Amino acid sequence: MATSWQPTTLVQCISVKPWLKLPGDDEPGGCHDLTLGRIYEMLGAEANGALYRIIDDSDDDFLYPASHFKEV
């Protein structure tokens, strides 16, 4: 049985500024599971590179703005 391997890129969180506004939610959010300065695994880029799929502090992968990270 063949295993599928996907290369990852390491990125550092440089911003935890809220970027997502949900209807009916008084507080913008979207970065609750990121730690400023921490190194994360980037599994891929989506939306023409505008969003990164990151394994965050919840140990799950979510999309975050590329502007919140820099490659290390």
N, C-alpha and C. Protein backbone atom coordinates (compact mmCIF):
# COMPACT_ATOMS: atom_id res chain seq x y z
N MET A 1 0.85 -1.18 0.00
CA MET A 1 0.00 0.00 0.00
C MET A 1 0.90 1.24 0.00
N ALA A 2 0.66 2.11 -0.91
CA ALA A 2 1.43 3.36 -1.01
C ALA A 2 0.88 4.39 -0.04
N THR A 3 1.79 5.14 0.54
CA THR A 3 1.36 6.23 1.41
C THR A 3 1.52 7.54 0.66
N SER A 4 0.64 8.47 0.94
CA SER A 4 0.76 9.78 0.30
C SER A 4 1.49 10.71 1.25
N TRP A 5 2.50 11.38 0.74
CA TRP A 5 3.29 12.30 1.53
C TRP A 5 3.17 13.67 0.93
N GLN A 6 2.93 14.64 1.76
CA GLN A 6 2.79 16.01 1.29
C GLN A 6 3.80 16.87 2.02
N PRO A 7 4.66 17.57 1.29
CA PRO A 7 5.64 18.42 1.96
C PRO A 7 4.96 19.56 2.69
N THR A 8 5.55 19.97 3.79
CA THR A 8 5.02 21.10 4.55
C THR A 8 6.05 22.21 4.56
N THR A 9 5.57 23.40 4.79
CA THR A 9 6.42 24.57 4.92
C THR A 9 6.23 25.10 6.33
N LEU A 10 7.30 25.53 6.96
CA LEU A 10 7.19 26.13 8.28
C LEU A 10 7.04 27.64 8.13
N VAL A 11 6.08 28.19 8.86
CA VAL A 11 5.83 29.62 8.84
C VAL A 11 5.72 30.12 10.27
N GLN A 12 6.07 31.39 10.47
CA GLN A 12 5.97 32.00 11.79
C GLN A 12 4.81 32.98 11.80
N CYS A 13 4.01 32.92 12.86
CA CYS A 13 2.89 33.83 13.02
C CYS A 13 3.41 35.21 13.37
N ILE A 14 3.07 36.21 12.55
CA ILE A 14 3.52 37.58 12.79
C ILE A 14 2.36 38.51 13.12
N SER A 15 1.13 37.98 13.13
CA SER A 15 -0.03 38.79 13.48
C SER A 15 -1.16 37.89 13.97
N VAL A 16 -1.86 38.33 14.98
CA VAL A 16 -3.06 37.64 15.43
C VAL A 16 -4.25 38.60 15.34
N LYS A 17 -4.10 39.60 14.49
CA LYS A 17 -5.17 40.58 14.28
C LYS A 17 -6.42 39.88 13.74
N PRO A 18 -7.57 40.13 14.35
CA PRO A 18 -8.81 39.51 13.87
C PRO A 18 -9.05 39.86 12.40
N TRP A 19 -9.52 38.89 11.64
CA TRP A 19 -9.75 39.13 10.21
C TRP A 19 -11.09 38.60 9.73
N LEU A 20 -11.79 37.88 10.56
CA LEU A 20 -13.04 37.23 10.16
C LEU A 20 -14.20 37.81 10.95
N LYS A 21 -15.23 38.26 10.27
CA LYS A 21 -16.43 38.79 10.93
C LYS A 21 -17.60 37.89 10.56
N LEU A 22 -18.16 37.24 11.57
CA LEU A 22 -19.29 36.35 11.36
C LEU A 22 -20.60 37.09 11.64
N PRO A 23 -21.64 36.88 10.83
CA PRO A 23 -22.93 37.52 11.08
C PRO A 23 -23.47 37.16 12.46
N GLY A 24 -23.94 38.16 13.19
CA GLY A 24 -24.49 37.94 14.52
C GLY A 24 -23.46 37.85 15.61
N ASP A 25 -22.18 37.97 15.27
CA ASP A 25 -21.11 37.91 16.26
C ASP A 25 -20.60 39.33 16.49
N ASP A 26 -20.59 39.77 17.74
CA ASP A 26 -20.18 41.13 18.07
C ASP A 26 -18.66 41.32 18.00
N GLU A 27 -17.90 40.24 18.12
CA GLU A 27 -16.44 40.36 18.11
C GLU A 27 -15.87 39.71 16.86
N PRO A 28 -15.04 40.45 16.12
CA PRO A 28 -14.37 39.81 15.00
C PRO A 28 -13.36 38.80 15.52
N GLY A 29 -13.10 37.79 14.77
CA GLY A 29 -12.19 36.77 15.25
C GLY A 29 -11.45 36.12 14.12
N GLY A 30 -11.22 34.86 14.28
CA GLY A 30 -10.54 34.09 13.26
C GLY A 30 -9.13 33.69 13.63
N CYS A 31 -8.56 34.24 14.69
CA CYS A 31 -7.18 33.92 15.04
C CYS A 31 -7.05 33.47 16.49
N HIS A 32 -8.12 32.94 17.06
CA HIS A 32 -8.10 32.52 18.46
C HIS A 32 -7.11 31.40 18.74
N ASP A 33 -6.85 30.57 17.73
CA ASP A 33 -5.98 29.41 17.93
C ASP A 33 -4.59 29.61 17.35
N LEU A 34 -4.13 30.87 17.31
CA LEU A 34 -2.77 31.19 16.88
C LEU A 34 -2.03 31.88 18.01
N THR A 35 -0.73 31.65 18.09
CA THR A 35 0.13 32.29 19.08
C THR A 35 1.16 33.13 18.34
N LEU A 36 1.23 34.41 18.66
CA LEU A 36 2.17 35.32 18.02
C LEU A 36 3.59 34.83 18.20
N GLY A 37 4.34 34.73 17.11
CA GLY A 37 5.73 34.30 17.16
C GLY A 37 5.95 32.80 17.04
N ARG A 38 4.90 32.02 17.17
CA ARG A 38 5.03 30.56 17.11
C ARG A 38 5.24 30.09 15.67
N ILE A 39 5.96 28.99 15.52
CA ILE A 39 6.19 28.37 14.22
C ILE A 39 5.09 27.33 13.98
N TYR A 40 4.47 27.40 12.80
CA TYR A 40 3.39 26.49 12.44
C TYR A 40 3.71 25.76 11.14
N GLU A 41 3.05 24.64 10.93
CA GLU A 41 3.15 23.91 9.68
C GLU A 41 2.11 24.47 8.71
N MET A 42 2.56 24.81 7.51
CA MET A 42 1.64 25.23 6.45
C MET A 42 1.48 24.05 5.51
N LEU A 43 0.26 23.58 5.35
CA LEU A 43 0.00 22.42 4.51
C LEU A 43 -0.18 22.80 3.05
N GLY A 44 -0.51 24.05 2.80
CA GLY A 44 -0.71 24.49 1.42
C GLY A 44 -1.27 25.90 1.39
N ALA A 45 -1.28 26.46 0.19
CA ALA A 45 -1.84 27.79 -0.03
C ALA A 45 -3.09 27.65 -0.90
N GLU A 46 -4.09 28.47 -0.61
CA GLU A 46 -5.34 28.44 -1.36
C GLU A 46 -5.72 29.87 -1.72
N ALA A 47 -6.74 30.01 -2.56
CA ALA A 47 -7.23 31.33 -2.99
C ALA A 47 -6.10 32.15 -3.61
N ASN A 48 -5.39 31.53 -4.55
CA ASN A 48 -4.27 32.19 -5.23
C ASN A 48 -3.20 32.68 -4.27
N GLY A 49 -2.97 31.94 -3.19
CA GLY A 49 -1.92 32.28 -2.23
C GLY A 49 -2.34 33.26 -1.15
N ALA A 50 -3.59 33.70 -1.16
CA ALA A 50 -4.07 34.66 -0.16
C ALA A 50 -4.32 34.01 1.19
N LEU A 51 -4.59 32.71 1.21
CA LEU A 51 -4.87 31.98 2.44
C LEU A 51 -3.92 30.81 2.57
N TYR A 52 -3.46 30.57 3.79
CA TYR A 52 -2.62 29.42 4.10
C TYR A 52 -3.41 28.44 4.94
N ARG A 53 -3.28 27.14 4.64
CA ARG A 53 -3.86 26.11 5.48
C ARG A 53 -2.82 25.75 6.53
N ILE A 54 -3.14 26.08 7.79
CA ILE A 54 -2.20 25.98 8.91
C ILE A 54 -2.72 24.98 9.94
N ILE A 55 -1.81 24.16 10.47
CA ILE A 55 -2.15 23.35 11.65
C ILE A 55 -1.92 24.26 12.85
N ASP A 56 -3.03 24.70 13.47
CA ASP A 56 -2.95 25.71 14.54
C ASP A 56 -2.86 25.08 15.92
N ASP A 57 -3.05 25.88 16.97
CA ASP A 57 -2.91 25.42 18.35
C ASP A 57 -3.95 24.37 18.74
N SER A 58 -5.03 24.26 17.97
CA SER A 58 -6.04 23.24 18.25
C SER A 58 -5.65 21.89 17.64
N ASP A 59 -4.47 21.83 16.98
CA ASP A 59 -3.97 20.64 16.29
C ASP A 59 -4.86 20.22 15.12
N ASP A 60 -5.62 21.17 14.59
CA ASP A 60 -6.42 20.93 13.40
C ASP A 60 -5.98 21.94 12.34
N ASP A 61 -6.36 21.72 11.11
CA ASP A 61 -5.94 22.66 10.07
C ASP A 61 -7.10 23.57 9.67
N PHE A 62 -6.78 24.86 9.53
CA PHE A 62 -7.74 25.88 9.14
C PHE A 62 -7.07 26.85 8.19
N LEU A 63 -7.88 27.65 7.50
CA LEU A 63 -7.35 28.67 6.61
C LEU A 63 -7.16 29.98 7.36
N TYR A 64 -5.99 30.59 7.14
CA TYR A 64 -5.66 31.89 7.73
C TYR A 64 -5.07 32.78 6.64
N PRO A 65 -5.17 34.10 6.78
CA PRO A 65 -4.59 34.99 5.78
C PRO A 65 -3.06 34.83 5.72
N ALA A 66 -2.54 34.81 4.51
CA ALA A 66 -1.09 34.68 4.31
C ALA A 66 -0.35 35.85 4.96
N SER A 67 -0.98 37.01 5.05
CA SER A 67 -0.35 38.20 5.63
C SER A 67 -0.05 38.04 7.11
N HIS A 68 -0.60 37.02 7.76
CA HIS A 68 -0.37 36.77 9.18
C HIS A 68 0.87 35.91 9.44
N PHE A 69 1.60 35.53 8.37
CA PHE A 69 2.73 34.60 8.51
C PHE A 69 3.91 35.03 7.64
N LYS A 70 5.09 34.55 8.04
CA LYS A 70 6.27 34.66 7.19
C LYS A 70 6.96 33.30 7.20
N GLU A 71 7.53 32.93 6.06
CA GLU A 71 8.23 31.64 5.97
C GLU A 71 9.51 31.70 6.77
N VAL A 72 9.86 30.57 7.40
CA VAL A 72 11.11 30.49 8.16
C VAL A 72 12.01 29.42 7.57
